[in-house]
Amino acid sequence: MNECKAERSGASTVLVFLLTVVGAGLLAAALSQPLHAQVLYGSVSGTVSDPSGAVIPGSQVTIVNDTTGFTRTEITDSGGYYRFLDIPEGSYTLTASASGFQVFKQTGVSVAIGQVNLLDIKMTVGSTTQEVTVQASAAVLQTQKADVHTEISSYAVQNLPLSTYRNFQATELLAPGVFSTSGISNSYPNSIADTPERSFDINSNGLPSHDNITRVDGATNLFIWLPNHMLVVPPQESVEEVNVQTGDYDVDKGLTAGAAVDVVTKSGSNQLHGSLYGFHTDDSLNAGNWYNHGSNTGILNNDGVAIGGPIKKDKLFFFGNWDGSCSTRLKATPTLSRPMT
């Protein structure tokens, strides 16, 4: 018997997808007030001082996203302090300028979900036509918050081996104290059916799985009939970052005592980028079990395409992902069992 099931995520046609993107862009442009939610964003703050350690009030500090051109500018207060709140995750370049000092530039400033990046700036006396450039350290010491969390980047999500169904939740098991039997077997809730059946059943620090909460792009993703499951599992190729918090929760981590998981999906950038992928899983290629002498006939194909880029440089972007899976199950051929020796 042959049986094939398929799922799709994303717009069914290019026209519908483009109309959705343009409509969302126009709505965002029409909003006059920014949305504030640290659950989706990070922040960068610090003081600006001269070589003697005296603070420099009134200096101009600018932060620019390296891929989208997103720009914010702040003026330091009387204590030389600046603060950028609600910054989307990503890599940034920070620039500071003040009269009588060389321009200070720091590249590779990392901003992660819920992270407070403390970055103090020391200016050098000189002309404003001169510039000092510093490369930021890859490791950022978190001194402003006491939460216990694990950050999982897009690179890890794309390159680490996941479950048969390429569920990004397998990367959550990298966090200390997090465990799931779903990643060990392909039985429910790891089924070929669409979500929530594909969702992992995850335990954190010994607590029941229904004590967890997952938010995707700030929206609570919970299947109310099975609260230990996500309602929709975003395709692996669409995930930008995963943050797993397992202790000392912030006030915005409501509805949880286990793992508070924040997922940010990809967005477009100033560069056109994309991927085309296909994965084939055939049970006949697996090593046989001594006690299972029937034929292995399960086949799973997972194919998809993702693409993102600019609509208007530094202003408006698009990203789309189509992901489909097809499973074929043939009737197993029974054989006689071997006698045990």
C-alpha atoms as a PDB file:
ATOM      1  CA  MET A   1       0.000   0.000   0.000  1.00  0.00           C
ATOM      2  CA  ASN A   2       1.327   3.421  -0.915  1.00  0.00           C
ATOM      3  CA  GLU A   3       0.420   6.497   1.048  1.00  0.00           C
ATOM      4  CA  CYS A   4       1.725   9.987   0.496  1.00  0.00           C
ATOM      5  CA  LYS A   5       1.090  13.057   2.595  1.00  0.00           C
ATOM      6  CA  ALA A   6       2.430  16.497   1.918  1.00  0.00           C
ATOM      7  CA  GLU A   7       2.513  19.785   3.762  1.00  0.00           C
ATOM      8  CA  ARG A   8       3.282  23.293   2.612  1.00  0.00           C
ATOM      9  CA  SER A   9       4.190  26.424   4.481  1.00  0.00           C
ATOM     10  CA  GLY A  10       4.119  29.885   2.904  1.00  0.00           C
ATOM     11  CA  ALA A  11       1.958  31.470   0.189  1.00  0.00           C
ATOM     12  CA  SER A  12       0.458  29.186  -2.392  1.00  0.00           C
ATOM     13  CA  THR A  13       1.386  31.497  -5.245  1.00  0.00           C
ATOM     14  CA  VAL A  14       4.002  34.135  -5.863  1.00  0.00           C
ATOM     15  CA  LEU A  15       1.297  36.760  -6.428  1.00  0.00           C
ATOM     16  CA  VAL A  16      -0.406  36.116  -3.099  1.00  0.00           C
ATOM     17  CA  PHE A  17       2.966  36.158  -1.351  1.00  0.00           C
ATOM     18  CA  LEU A  18       4.010  39.487  -2.862  1.00  0.00           C
ATOM     19  CA  LEU A  19       0.641  41.075  -2.064  1.00  0.00           C
ATOM     20  CA  THR A  20       0.968  39.908   1.523  1.00  0.00           C
ATOM     21  CA  VAL A  21       4.489  41.308   1.818  1.00  0.00           C
ATOM     22  CA  VAL A  22       3.584  44.672   0.304  1.00  0.00           C
ATOM     23  CA  GLY A  23       0.462  44.923   2.479  1.00  0.00           C
ATOM     24  CA  ALA A  24       2.448  44.179   5.607  1.00  0.00           C
ATOM     25  CA  GLY A  25       5.049  46.741   4.608  1.00  0.00           C
ATOM     26  CA  LEU A  26       2.444  49.455   4.055  1.00  0.00           C
ATOM     27  CA  LEU A  27       0.857  48.656   7.423  1.00  0.00           C
ATOM     28  CA  ALA A  28       4.213  48.876   9.167  1.00  0.00           C
ATOM     29  CA  ALA A  29       4.975  52.189   7.494  1.00  0.00           C
ATOM     30  CA  ALA A  30       1.609  53.558   8.598  1.00  0.00           C
ATOM     31  CA  LEU A  31       2.228  52.844  12.262  1.00  0.00           C
ATOM     32  CA  SER A  32       3.497  55.994  13.947  1.00  0.00           C
ATOM     33  CA  GLN A  33       4.488  54.381  17.271  1.00  0.00           C
ATOM     34  CA  PRO A  34       7.096  51.610  17.593  1.00  0.00           C
ATOM     35  CA  LEU A  35       6.170  48.366  19.304  1.00  0.00           C
ATOM     36  CA  HIS A  36       8.162  47.711  22.484  1.00  0.00           C
ATOM     37  CA  ALA A  37       8.718  44.082  23.452  1.00  0.00           C
ATOM     38  CA  GLN A  38      12.062  42.949  24.830  1.00  0.00           C
ATOM     39  CA  VAL A  39      10.962  39.368  24.177  1.00  0.00           C
ATOM     40  CA  LEU A  40      11.806  39.952  20.494  1.00  0.00           C
ATOM     41  CA  TYR A  41      14.681  42.374  20.812  1.00  0.00           C
ATOM     42  CA  GLY A  42      17.919  43.145  22.606  1.00  0.00           C
ATOM     43  CA  SER A  43      19.534  46.389  23.729  1.00  0.00           C
ATOM     44  CA  VAL A  44      22.901  48.131  23.712  1.00  0.00           C
ATOM     45  CA  SER A  45      23.957  50.653  26.339  1.00  0.00           C
ATOM     46  CA  GLY A  46      27.046  52.180  27.944  1.00  0.00           C
ATOM     47  CA  THR A  47      28.930  55.372  28.703  1.00  0.00           C
ATOM     48  CA  VAL A  48      31.147  57.555  26.529  1.00  0.00           C
ATOM     49  CA  SER A  49      34.303  58.879  28.223  1.00  0.00           C
ATOM     50  CA  ASP A  50      37.652  60.515  27.419  1.00  0.00           C
ATOM     51  CA  PRO A  51      41.117  58.939  28.044  1.00  0.00           C
ATOM     52  CA  SER A  52      41.083  60.171  31.674  1.00  0.00           C
ATOM     53  CA  GLY A  53      37.744  58.469  32.342  1.00  0.00           C
ATOM     54  CA  ALA A  54      35.672  61.679  32.451  1.00  0.00           C
ATOM     55  CA  VAL A  55      32.285  61.244  30.788  1.00  0.00           C
ATOM     56  CA  ILE A  56      31.452  63.130  27.584  1.00  0.00           C
ATOM     57  CA  PRO A  57      27.849  64.439  27.575  1.00  0.00           C
ATOM     58  CA  GLY A  58      26.265  65.497  24.298  1.00  0.00           C
ATOM     59  CA  SER A  59      28.224  63.049  22.140  1.00  0.00           C
ATOM     60  CA  GLN A  60      26.416  61.396  19.249  1.00  0.00           C
ATOM     61  CA  VAL A  61      26.169  57.593  19.150  1.00  0.00           C
ATOM     62  CA  THR A  62      24.765  55.751  16.128  1.00  0.00           C
ATOM     63  CA  ILE A  63      24.067  52.051  15.641  1.00  0.00           C
ATOM     64  CA  VAL A  64      23.583  50.515  12.171  1.00  0.00           C
ATOM     65  CA  ASN A  65      22.516  46.976  11.270  1.00  0.00           C
ATOM     66  CA  ASP A  66      25.099  45.440   8.938  1.00  0.00           C
ATOM     67  CA  THR A  67      22.558  43.639   6.720  1.00  0.00           C
ATOM     68  CA  THR A  68      19.445  45.833   6.651  1.00  0.00           C
ATOM     69  CA  GLY A  69      20.830  49.321   7.239  1.00  0.00           C
ATOM     70  CA  PHE A  70      18.491  49.796  10.230  1.00  0.00           C
ATOM     71  CA  THR A  71      19.802  52.949  11.997  1.00  0.00           C
ATOM     72  CA  ARG A  72      19.219  54.521  15.396  1.00  0.00           C
ATOM     73  CA  THR A  73      20.969  57.598  16.865  1.00  0.00           C
ATOM     74  CA  GLU A  74      21.161  58.709  20.506  1.00  0.00           C
ATOM     75  CA  ILE A  75      22.778  61.682  22.298  1.00  0.00           C
ATOM     76  CA  THR A  76      24.524  60.912  25.586  1.00  0.00           C
ATOM     77  CA  ASP A  77      22.980  62.506  28.673  1.00  0.00           C
ATOM     78  CA  SER A  78      24.706  64.594  31.336  1.00  0.00           C
ATOM     79  CA  GLY A  79      26.322  61.434  32.712  1.00  0.00           C
ATOM     80  CA  GLY A  80      27.694  60.417  29.303  1.00  0.00           C
ATOM     81  CA  TYR A  81      25.204  57.549  29.139  1.00  0.00           C
ATOM     82  CA  TYR A  82      23.508  56.240  25.979  1.00  0.00           C
ATOM     83  CA  ARG A  83      20.950  53.455  25.550  1.00  0.00           C
ATOM     84  CA  PHE A  84      19.423  51.729  22.519  1.00  0.00           C
ATOM     85  CA  LEU A  85      16.297  49.770  23.418  1.00  0.00           C
ATOM     86  CA  ASP A  86      14.295  47.286  21.315  1.00  0.00           C
ATOM     87  CA  ILE A  87      17.034  46.530  18.782  1.00  0.00           C
ATOM     88  CA  PRO A  88      16.351  43.595  16.409  1.00  0.00           C
ATOM     89  CA  GLU A  89      18.834  40.746  16.732  1.00  0.00           C
ATOM     90  CA  GLY A  90      21.804  40.750  14.383  1.00  0.00           C
ATOM     91  CA  SER A  91      25.259  42.201  13.822  1.00  0.00           C
ATOM     92  CA  TYR A  92      25.743  45.971  14.135  1.00  0.00           C
ATOM     93  CA  THR A  93      28.309  48.742  13.753  1.00  0.00           C
ATOM     94  CA  LEU A  94      28.433  51.326  16.547  1.00  0.00           C
ATOM     95  CA  THR A  95      29.818  54.820  15.891  1.00  0.00           C
ATOM     96  CA  ALA A  96      30.432  57.647  18.387  1.00  0.00           C
ATOM     97  CA  SER A  97      31.527  61.232  17.674  1.00  0.00           C
ATOM     98  CA  ALA A  98      32.161  64.322  19.777  1.00  0.00           C
ATOM     99  CA  SER A  99      33.864  67.674  19.234  1.00  0.00           C
ATOM    100  CA  GLY A 100      37.610  67.467  19.848  1.00  0.00           C
ATOM    101  CA  PHE A 101      37.747  63.676  19.610  1.00  0.00           C
ATOM    102  CA  GLN A 102      38.433  61.133  16.901  1.00  0.00           C
ATOM    103  CA  VAL A 103      35.419  59.229  15.580  1.00  0.00           C
ATOM    104  CA  PHE A 104      35.060  55.895  17.364  1.00  0.00           C
ATOM    105  CA  LYS A 105      33.738  52.898  15.386  1.00  0.00           C
ATOM    106  CA  GLN A 106      33.158  49.373  16.671  1.00  0.00           C
ATOM    107  CA  THR A 107      32.159  46.640  14.225  1.00  0.00           C
ATOM    108  CA  GLY A 108      30.648  43.237  14.849  1.00  0.00           C
ATOM    109  CA  VAL A 109      28.491  44.321  17.792  1.00  0.00           C
ATOM    110  CA  SER A 110      26.189  41.374  18.466  1.00  0.00           C
ATOM    111  CA  VAL A 111      22.589  41.855  19.586  1.00  0.00           C
ATOM    112  CA  ALA A 112      20.638  38.775  20.717  1.00  0.00           C
ATOM    113  CA  ILE A 113      17.070  38.190  21.915  1.00  0.00           C
ATOM    114  CA  GLY A 114      16.535  39.582  25.411  1.00  0.00           C
ATOM    115  CA  GLN A 115      20.221  40.407  25.854  1.00  0.00           C
ATOM    116  CA  VAL A 116      21.578  43.649  27.319  1.00  0.00           C
ATOM    117  CA  ASN A 117      24.922  44.378  25.638  1.00  0.00           C
ATOM    118  CA  LEU A 118      26.969  46.720  27.834  1.00  0.00           C
ATOM    119  CA  LEU A 119      29.450  48.588  25.642  1.00  0.00           C
ATOM    120  CA  ASP A 120      31.463  51.460  27.122  1.00  0.00           C
ATOM    121  CA  ILE A 121      33.261  53.765  24.677  1.00  0.00           C
ATOM    122  CA  LYS A 122      36.590  55.489  25.296  1.00  0.00           C
ATOM    123  CA  MET A 123      37.227  58.362  22.905  1.00  0.00           C
ATOM    124  CA  THR A 124      40.677  59.466  21.727  1.00  0.00           C
ATOM    125  CA  VAL A 125      41.619  63.139  21.540  1.00  0.00           C
ATOM    126  CA  GLY A 126      42.060  64.285  17.957  1.00  0.00           C
ATOM    127  CA  SER A 127      40.322  65.616  14.879  1.00  0.00           C
ATOM    128  CA  THR A 128      36.829  64.463  13.959  1.00  0.00           C
ATOM    129  CA  THR A 129      38.240  63.601  10.526  1.00  0.00           C
ATOM    130  CA  GLN A 130      40.251  60.826  12.163  1.00  0.00           C
ATOM    131  CA  GLU A 131      38.728  57.490  13.047  1.00  0.00           C
ATOM    132  CA  VAL A 132      39.480  54.631  15.444  1.00  0.00           C
ATOM    133  CA  THR A 133      37.958  51.260  14.486  1.00  0.00           C
ATOM    134  CA  VAL A 134      37.633  48.377  16.940  1.00  0.00           C
ATOM    135  CA  GLN A 135      36.445  44.827  16.249  1.00  0.00           C
ATOM    136  CA  ALA A 136      33.963  43.613  18.857  1.00  0.00           C
ATOM    137  CA  SER A 137      34.638  40.404  20.742  1.00  0.00           C
ATOM    138  CA  ALA A 138      32.597  37.380  19.667  1.00  0.00           C
ATOM    139  CA  ALA A 139      31.781  36.509  23.293  1.00  0.00           C
ATOM    140  CA  VAL A 140      29.610  39.008  25.150  1.00  0.00           C
ATOM    141  CA  LEU A 141      29.664  38.881  28.953  1.00  0.00           C
ATOM    142  CA  GLN A 142      26.120  39.317  30.248  1.00  0.00           C
ATOM    143  CA  THR A 143      26.350  41.449  33.393  1.00  0.00           C
ATOM    144  CA  GLN A 144      22.986  43.219  33.352  1.00  0.00           C
ATOM    145  CA  LYS A 145      20.730  40.169  33.773  1.00  0.00           C
ATOM    146  CA  ALA A 146      20.858  36.989  35.835  1.00  0.00           C
ATOM    147  CA  ASP A 147      18.718  34.757  33.615  1.00  0.00           C
ATOM    148  CA  VAL A 148      19.908  31.298  32.568  1.00  0.00           C
ATOM    149  CA  HIS A 149      19.595  31.034  28.812  1.00  0.00           C
ATOM    150  CA  THR A 150      21.105  29.400  25.727  1.00  0.00           C
ATOM    151  CA  GLU A 151      21.328  31.216  22.395  1.00  0.00           C
ATOM    152  CA  ILE A 152      21.133  29.087  19.248  1.00  0.00           C
ATOM    153  CA  SER A 153      22.069  30.865  16.033  1.00  0.00           C
ATOM    154  CA  SER A 154      20.763  30.325  12.519  1.00  0.00           C
ATOM    155  CA  TYR A 155      24.089  28.658  11.613  1.00  0.00           C
ATOM    156  CA  ALA A 156      23.559  26.024  14.312  1.00  0.00           C
ATOM    157  CA  VAL A 157      19.925  25.444  13.300  1.00  0.00           C
ATOM    158  CA  GLN A 158      20.935  24.948   9.652  1.00  0.00           C
ATOM    159  CA  ASN A 159      24.015  22.762  10.176  1.00  0.00           C
ATOM    160  CA  LEU A 160      23.444  20.586  13.239  1.00  0.00           C
ATOM    161  CA  PRO A 161      21.787  17.181  12.677  1.00  0.00           C
ATOM    162  CA  LEU A 162      18.124  17.361  13.607  1.00  0.00           C
ATOM    163  CA  SER A 163      15.276  14.860  13.707  1.00  0.00           C
ATOM    164  CA  THR A 164      13.977  13.011  10.651  1.00  0.00           C
ATOM    165  CA  TYR A 165      11.444  15.788  10.112  1.00  0.00           C
ATOM    166  CA  ARG A 166      14.086  18.553  10.463  1.00  0.00           C
ATOM    167  CA  ASN A 167      12.390  20.078  13.490  1.00  0.00           C
ATOM    168  CA  PHE A 168      14.417  23.036  14.833  1.00  0.00           C
ATOM    169  CA  GLN A 169      13.286  22.087  18.365  1.00  0.00           C
ATOM    170  CA  ALA A 170      16.029  19.446  18.364  1.00  0.00           C
ATOM    171  CA  THR A 171      18.514  22.305  18.908  1.00  0.00           C
ATOM    172  CA  GLU A 172      16.736  23.238  22.150  1.00  0.00           C
ATOM    173  CA  LEU A 173      18.244  20.075  23.613  1.00  0.00           C
ATOM    174  CA  LEU A 174      21.605  21.906  23.608  1.00  0.00           C
ATOM    175  CA  ALA A 175      20.393  23.888  26.624  1.00  0.00           C
ATOM    176  CA  PRO A 176      21.430  22.418  30.003  1.00  0.00           C
ATOM    177  CA  GLY A 177      18.638  20.538  31.773  1.00  0.00           C
ATOM    178  CA  VAL A 178      16.513  20.157  28.625  1.00  0.00           C
ATOM    179  CA  PHE A 179      15.518  16.664  27.456  1.00  0.00           C
ATOM    180  CA  SER A 180      13.044  15.098  25.044  1.00  0.00           C
ATOM    181  CA  THR A 181      12.166  11.539  24.064  1.00  0.00           C
ATOM    182  CA  SER A 182      10.746  12.913  20.806  1.00  0.00           C
ATOM    183  CA  GLY A 183      14.229  13.237  19.356  1.00  0.00           C
ATOM    184  CA  ILE A 184      15.001   9.587  20.089  1.00  0.00           C
ATOM    185  CA  SER A 185      12.113   7.865  18.333  1.00  0.00           C
ATOM    186  CA  ASN A 186      10.013   8.778  15.324  1.00  0.00           C
ATOM    187  CA  SER A 187       6.765   7.937  17.063  1.00  0.00           C
ATOM    188  CA  TYR A 188       4.155  10.471  18.155  1.00  0.00           C
ATOM    189  CA  PRO A 189       4.545  13.355  18.544  1.00  0.00           C
ATOM    190  CA  ASN A 190       7.188  13.094  15.808  1.00  0.00           C
ATOM    191  CA  SER A 191       4.851  12.163  12.965  1.00  0.00           C
ATOM    192  CA  ILE A 192       4.717  12.982   9.279  1.00  0.00           C
ATOM    193  CA  ALA A 193       1.408  14.739   9.855  1.00  0.00           C
ATOM    194  CA  ASP A 194       1.435  18.524  10.018  1.00  0.00           C
ATOM    195  CA  THR A 195       1.926  20.334  13.317  1.00  0.00           C
ATOM    196  CA  PRO A 196       1.161  20.055  16.217  1.00  0.00           C
ATOM    197  CA  GLU A 197       1.895  16.322  15.813  1.00  0.00           C
ATOM    198  CA  ARG A 198       5.404  17.157  14.623  1.00  0.00           C
ATOM    199  CA  SER A 199       6.145  19.221  17.750  1.00  0.00           C
ATOM    200  CA  PHE A 200       8.613  17.919  20.340  1.00  0.00           C
ATOM    201  CA  ASP A 201       7.532  16.955  23.838  1.00  0.00           C
ATOM    202  CA  ILE A 202      10.247  18.740  25.880  1.00  0.00           C
ATOM    203  CA  ASN A 203      11.072  18.593  29.577  1.00  0.00           C
ATOM    204  CA  SER A 204      13.154  21.262  31.311  1.00  0.00           C
ATOM    205  CA  ASN A 205      14.834  20.728  34.689  1.00  0.00           C
ATOM    206  CA  GLY A 206      12.571  17.769  35.387  1.00  0.00           C
ATOM    207  CA  LEU A 207       9.334  19.734  34.997  1.00  0.00           C
ATOM    208  CA  PRO A 208       6.387  18.542  32.883  1.00  0.00           C
ATOM    209  CA  SER A 209       6.402  19.619  29.258  1.00  0.00           C
ATOM    210  CA  HIS A 210       3.162  21.589  29.638  1.00  0.00           C
ATOM    211  CA  ASP A 211       5.086  24.022  31.901  1.00  0.00           C
ATOM    212  CA  ASN A 212       6.962  25.357  28.850  1.00  0.00           C
ATOM    213  CA  ILE A 213       5.965  28.254  26.622  1.00  0.00           C
ATOM    214  CA  THR A 214       7.192  29.043  23.105  1.00  0.00           C
ATOM    215  CA  ARG A 215       6.854  32.384  21.340  1.00  0.00           C
ATOM    216  CA  VAL A 216       7.492  32.814  17.628  1.00  0.00           C
ATOM    217  CA  ASP A 217       8.197  36.425  16.612  1.00  0.00           C
ATOM    218  CA  GLY A 218       6.622  37.482  19.914  1.00  0.00           C
ATOM    219  CA  ALA A 219       3.349  35.564  19.455  1.00  0.00           C
ATOM    220  CA  THR A 220       2.501  32.740  21.863  1.00  0.00           C
ATOM    221  CA  ASN A 221       2.654  29.450  19.953  1.00  0.00           C
ATOM    222  CA  LEU A 222       0.621  26.973  22.016  1.00  0.00           C
ATOM    223  CA  PHE A 223      -1.829  24.220  21.101  1.00  0.00           C
ATOM    224  CA  ILE A 224      -4.482  24.612  23.806  1.00  0.00           C
ATOM    225  CA  TRP A 225      -5.742  21.012  23.471  1.00  0.00           C
ATOM    226  CA  LEU A 226      -2.204  19.636  23.902  1.00  0.00           C
ATOM    227  CA  PRO A 227      -0.383  22.347  25.900  1.00  0.00           C
ATOM    228  CA  ASN A 228       2.906  20.453  25.707  1.00  0.00           C
ATOM    229  CA  HIS A 229       3.011  21.077  21.935  1.00  0.00           C
ATOM    230  CA  MET A 230       3.556  24.016  19.625  1.00  0.00           C
ATOM    231  CA  LEU A 231       0.607  24.836  17.381  1.00  0.00           C
ATOM    232  CA  VAL A 232       2.840  25.517  14.365  1.00  0.00           C
ATOM    233  CA  VAL A 233       6.500  24.495  13.993  1.00  0.00           C
ATOM    234  CA  PRO A 234       8.293  26.911  11.615  1.00  0.00           C
ATOM    235  CA  PRO A 235      10.386  25.143   8.947  1.00  0.00           C
ATOM    236  CA  GLN A 236      14.067  24.820   9.803  1.00  0.00           C
ATOM    237  CA  GLU A 237      15.130  27.047   6.910  1.00  0.00           C
ATOM    238  CA  SER A 238      12.995  29.953   8.180  1.00  0.00           C
ATOM    239  CA  VAL A 239      14.491  30.113  11.708  1.00  0.00           C
ATOM    240  CA  GLU A 240      16.964  32.923  12.456  1.00  0.00           C
ATOM    241  CA  GLU A 241      17.569  32.474  16.190  1.00  0.00           C
ATOM    242  CA  VAL A 242      16.335  30.414  19.127  1.00  0.00           C
ATOM    243  CA  ASN A 243      16.695  31.522  22.751  1.00  0.00           C
ATOM    244  CA  VAL A 244      15.990  28.961  25.483  1.00  0.00           C
ATOM    245  CA  GLN A 245      15.593  30.419  28.980  1.00  0.00           C
ATOM    246  CA  THR A 246      15.434  27.909  31.820  1.00  0.00           C
ATOM    247  CA  GLY A 247      15.811  29.971  34.989  1.00  0.00           C
ATOM    248  CA  ASP A 248      15.488  33.419  36.646  1.00  0.00           C
ATOM    249  CA  TYR A 249      12.828  34.513  34.185  1.00  0.00           C
ATOM    250  CA  ASP A 250      12.134  38.100  33.213  1.00  0.00           C
ATOM    251  CA  VAL A 251       8.683  39.537  33.877  1.00  0.00           C
ATOM    252  CA  ASP A 252       7.771  39.105  30.207  1.00  0.00           C
ATOM    253  CA  LYS A 253       8.158  35.308  30.428  1.00  0.00           C
ATOM    254  CA  GLY A 254       4.642  34.605  31.617  1.00  0.00           C
ATOM    255  CA  LEU A 255       2.828  31.252  31.527  1.00  0.00           C
ATOM    256  CA  THR A 256       5.973  29.251  32.202  1.00  0.00           C
ATOM    257  CA  ALA A 257       7.867  27.460  34.934  1.00  0.00           C
ATOM    258  CA  GLY A 258       9.871  25.213  32.618  1.00  0.00           C
ATOM    259  CA  ALA A 259      11.549  26.444  29.432  1.00  0.00           C
ATOM    260  CA  ALA A 260      10.698  29.840  27.944  1.00  0.00           C
ATOM    261  CA  VAL A 261      11.614  29.614  24.260  1.00  0.00           C
ATOM    262  CA  ASP A 262      11.765  32.632  21.948  1.00  0.00           C
ATOM    263  CA  VAL A 263      12.042  32.021  18.209  1.00  0.00           C
ATOM    264  CA  VAL A 264      12.779  34.714  15.627  1.00  0.00           C
ATOM    265  CA  THR A 265      12.169  33.874  11.972  1.00  0.00           C
ATOM    266  CA  LYS A 266      14.273  35.213   9.130  1.00  0.00           C
ATOM    267  CA  SER A 267      13.643  38.457   7.305  1.00  0.00           C
ATOM    268  CA  GLY A 268      15.073  39.938   4.161  1.00  0.00           C
ATOM    269  CA  SER A 269      18.209  42.043   3.904  1.00  0.00           C
ATOM    270  CA  ASN A 270      19.887  44.377   1.412  1.00  0.00           C
ATOM    271  CA  GLN A 271      21.393  41.349  -0.327  1.00  0.00           C
ATOM    272  CA  LEU A 272      19.315  38.844  -2.281  1.00  0.00           C
ATOM    273  CA  HIS A 273      19.835  35.418  -0.721  1.00  0.00           C
ATOM    274  CA  GLY A 274      18.144  32.068  -0.787  1.00  0.00           C
ATOM    275  CA  SER A 275      18.473  28.302  -0.720  1.00  0.00           C
ATOM    276  CA  LEU A 276      17.074  25.250  -2.462  1.00  0.00           C
ATOM    277  CA  TYR A 277      17.109  21.978  -0.546  1.00  0.00           C
ATOM    278  CA  GLY A 278      16.044  18.373  -0.725  1.00  0.00           C
ATOM    279  CA  PHE A 279      16.441  15.607   1.850  1.00  0.00           C
ATOM    280  CA  HIS A 280      15.765  11.915   1.268  1.00  0.00           C
ATOM    281  CA  THR A 281      15.305   9.415   4.097  1.00  0.00           C
ATOM    282  CA  ASP A 282      14.949   5.718   3.233  1.00  0.00           C
ATOM    283  CA  ASP A 283      14.500   3.095   5.942  1.00  0.00           C
ATOM    284  CA  SER A 284      16.106   0.502   3.670  1.00  0.00           C
ATOM    285  CA  LEU A 285      19.421   2.305   4.145  1.00  0.00           C
ATOM    286  CA  ASN A 286      19.256   1.977   7.924  1.00  0.00           C
ATOM    287  CA  ALA A 287      21.054  -0.738   9.822  1.00  0.00           C
ATOM    288  CA  GLY A 288      18.718  -3.684  10.464  1.00  0.00           C
ATOM    289  CA  ASN A 289      17.629  -4.722  13.930  1.00  0.00           C
ATOM    290  CA  TRP A 290      18.309  -8.389  14.789  1.00  0.00           C
ATOM    291  CA  TYR A 291      14.769  -8.842  16.111  1.00  0.00           C
ATOM    292  CA  ASN A 292      13.060  -7.109  13.191  1.00  0.00           C
ATOM    293  CA  HIS A 293      13.198  -9.265  10.059  1.00  0.00           C
ATOM    294  CA  GLY A 294      10.475  -7.591   8.024  1.00  0.00           C
ATOM    295  CA  SER A 295      11.336  -5.380   5.087  1.00  0.00           C
ATOM    296  CA  ASN A 296      11.993  -1.711   5.815  1.00  0.00           C
ATOM    297  CA  THR A 297       9.989   0.299   3.322  1.00  0.00           C
ATOM    298  CA  GLY A 298       9.476   3.740   4.834  1.00  0.00           C
ATOM    299  CA  ILE A 299      10.533   6.653   2.614  1.00  0.00           C
ATOM    300  CA  LEU A 300      10.432  10.361   3.483  1.00  0.00           C
ATOM    301  CA  ASN A 301      11.277  13.256   1.162  1.00  0.00           C
ATOM    302  CA  ASN A 302      11.579  16.806   2.486  1.00  0.00           C
ATOM    303  CA  ASP A 303      12.037  19.529  -0.158  1.00  0.00           C
ATOM    304  CA  GLY A 304      11.794  23.274  -0.108  1.00  0.00           C
ATOM    305  CA  VAL A 305      12.988  26.682  -1.184  1.00  0.00           C
ATOM    306  CA  ALA A 306      13.687  29.906   0.730  1.00  0.00           C
ATOM    307  CA  ILE A 307      14.424  33.357  -0.658  1.00  0.00           C
ATOM    308  CA  GLY A 308      14.755  36.858   0.774  1.00  0.00           C
ATOM    309  CA  GLY A 309      15.969  40.262  -0.319  1.00  0.00           C
ATOM    310  CA  PRO A 310      15.232  43.971  -0.558  1.00  0.00           C
ATOM    311  CA  ILE A 311      12.107  45.645  -1.906  1.00  0.00           C
ATOM    312  CA  LYS A 312      13.501  49.079  -1.082  1.00  0.00           C
ATOM    313  CA  LYS A 313      17.082  49.195   0.170  1.00  0.00           C
ATOM    314  CA  ASP A 314      17.419  49.956   3.902  1.00  0.00           C
ATOM    315  CA  LYS A 315      13.623  50.319   4.151  1.00  0.00           C
ATOM    316  CA  LEU A 316      11.521  47.324   3.098  1.00  0.00           C
ATOM    317  CA  PHE A 317      12.412  43.632   2.700  1.00  0.00           C
ATOM    318  CA  PHE A 318      10.804  40.290   1.914  1.00  0.00           C
ATOM    319  CA  PHE A 319      11.420  36.678   2.891  1.00  0.00           C
ATOM    320  CA  GLY A 320       9.488  33.540   1.965  1.00  0.00           C
ATOM    321  CA  ASN A 321       9.901  29.813   2.594  1.00  0.00           C
ATOM    322  CA  TRP A 322       8.055  26.880   1.063  1.00  0.00           C
ATOM    323  CA  ASP A 323       8.600  23.527   2.763  1.00  0.00           C
ATOM    324  CA  GLY A 324       6.992  20.269   1.678  1.00  0.00           C
ATOM    325  CA  SER A 325       7.274  16.679   2.861  1.00  0.00           C
ATOM    326  CA  CYS A 326       6.054  13.430   1.344  1.00  0.00           C
ATOM    327  CA  SER A 327       6.003  10.020   2.995  1.00  0.00           C
ATOM    328  CA  THR A 328       5.555   6.626   1.346  1.00  0.00           C
ATOM    329  CA  ARG A 329       4.799   3.504   3.354  1.00  0.00           C
ATOM    330  CA  LEU A 330       4.678   0.113   1.638  1.00  0.00           C
ATOM    331  CA  LYS A 331       3.288  -3.079   3.124  1.00  0.00           C
ATOM    332  CA  ALA A 332       6.048  -4.882   4.989  1.00  0.00           C
ATOM    333  CA  THR A 333       7.001  -8.377   3.820  1.00  0.00           C
ATOM    334  CA  PRO A 334       6.763 -10.781   6.765  1.00  0.00           C
ATOM    335  CA  THR A 335       9.527 -13.305   7.272  1.00  0.00           C
ATOM    336  CA  LEU A 336      10.097 -16.157   9.677  1.00  0.00           C
ATOM    337  CA  SER A 337      11.792 -15.240  12.913  1.00  0.00           C
ATOM    338  CA  ARG A 338      15.238 -16.621  13.541  1.00  0.00           C
ATOM    339  CA  PRO A 339      15.641 -18.877  16.539  1.00  0.00           C
ATOM    340  CA  MET A 340      17.519 -17.322  19.427  1.00  0.00           C
ATOM    341  CA  THR A 341      20.831 -18.953  20.305  1.00  0.00           C
END
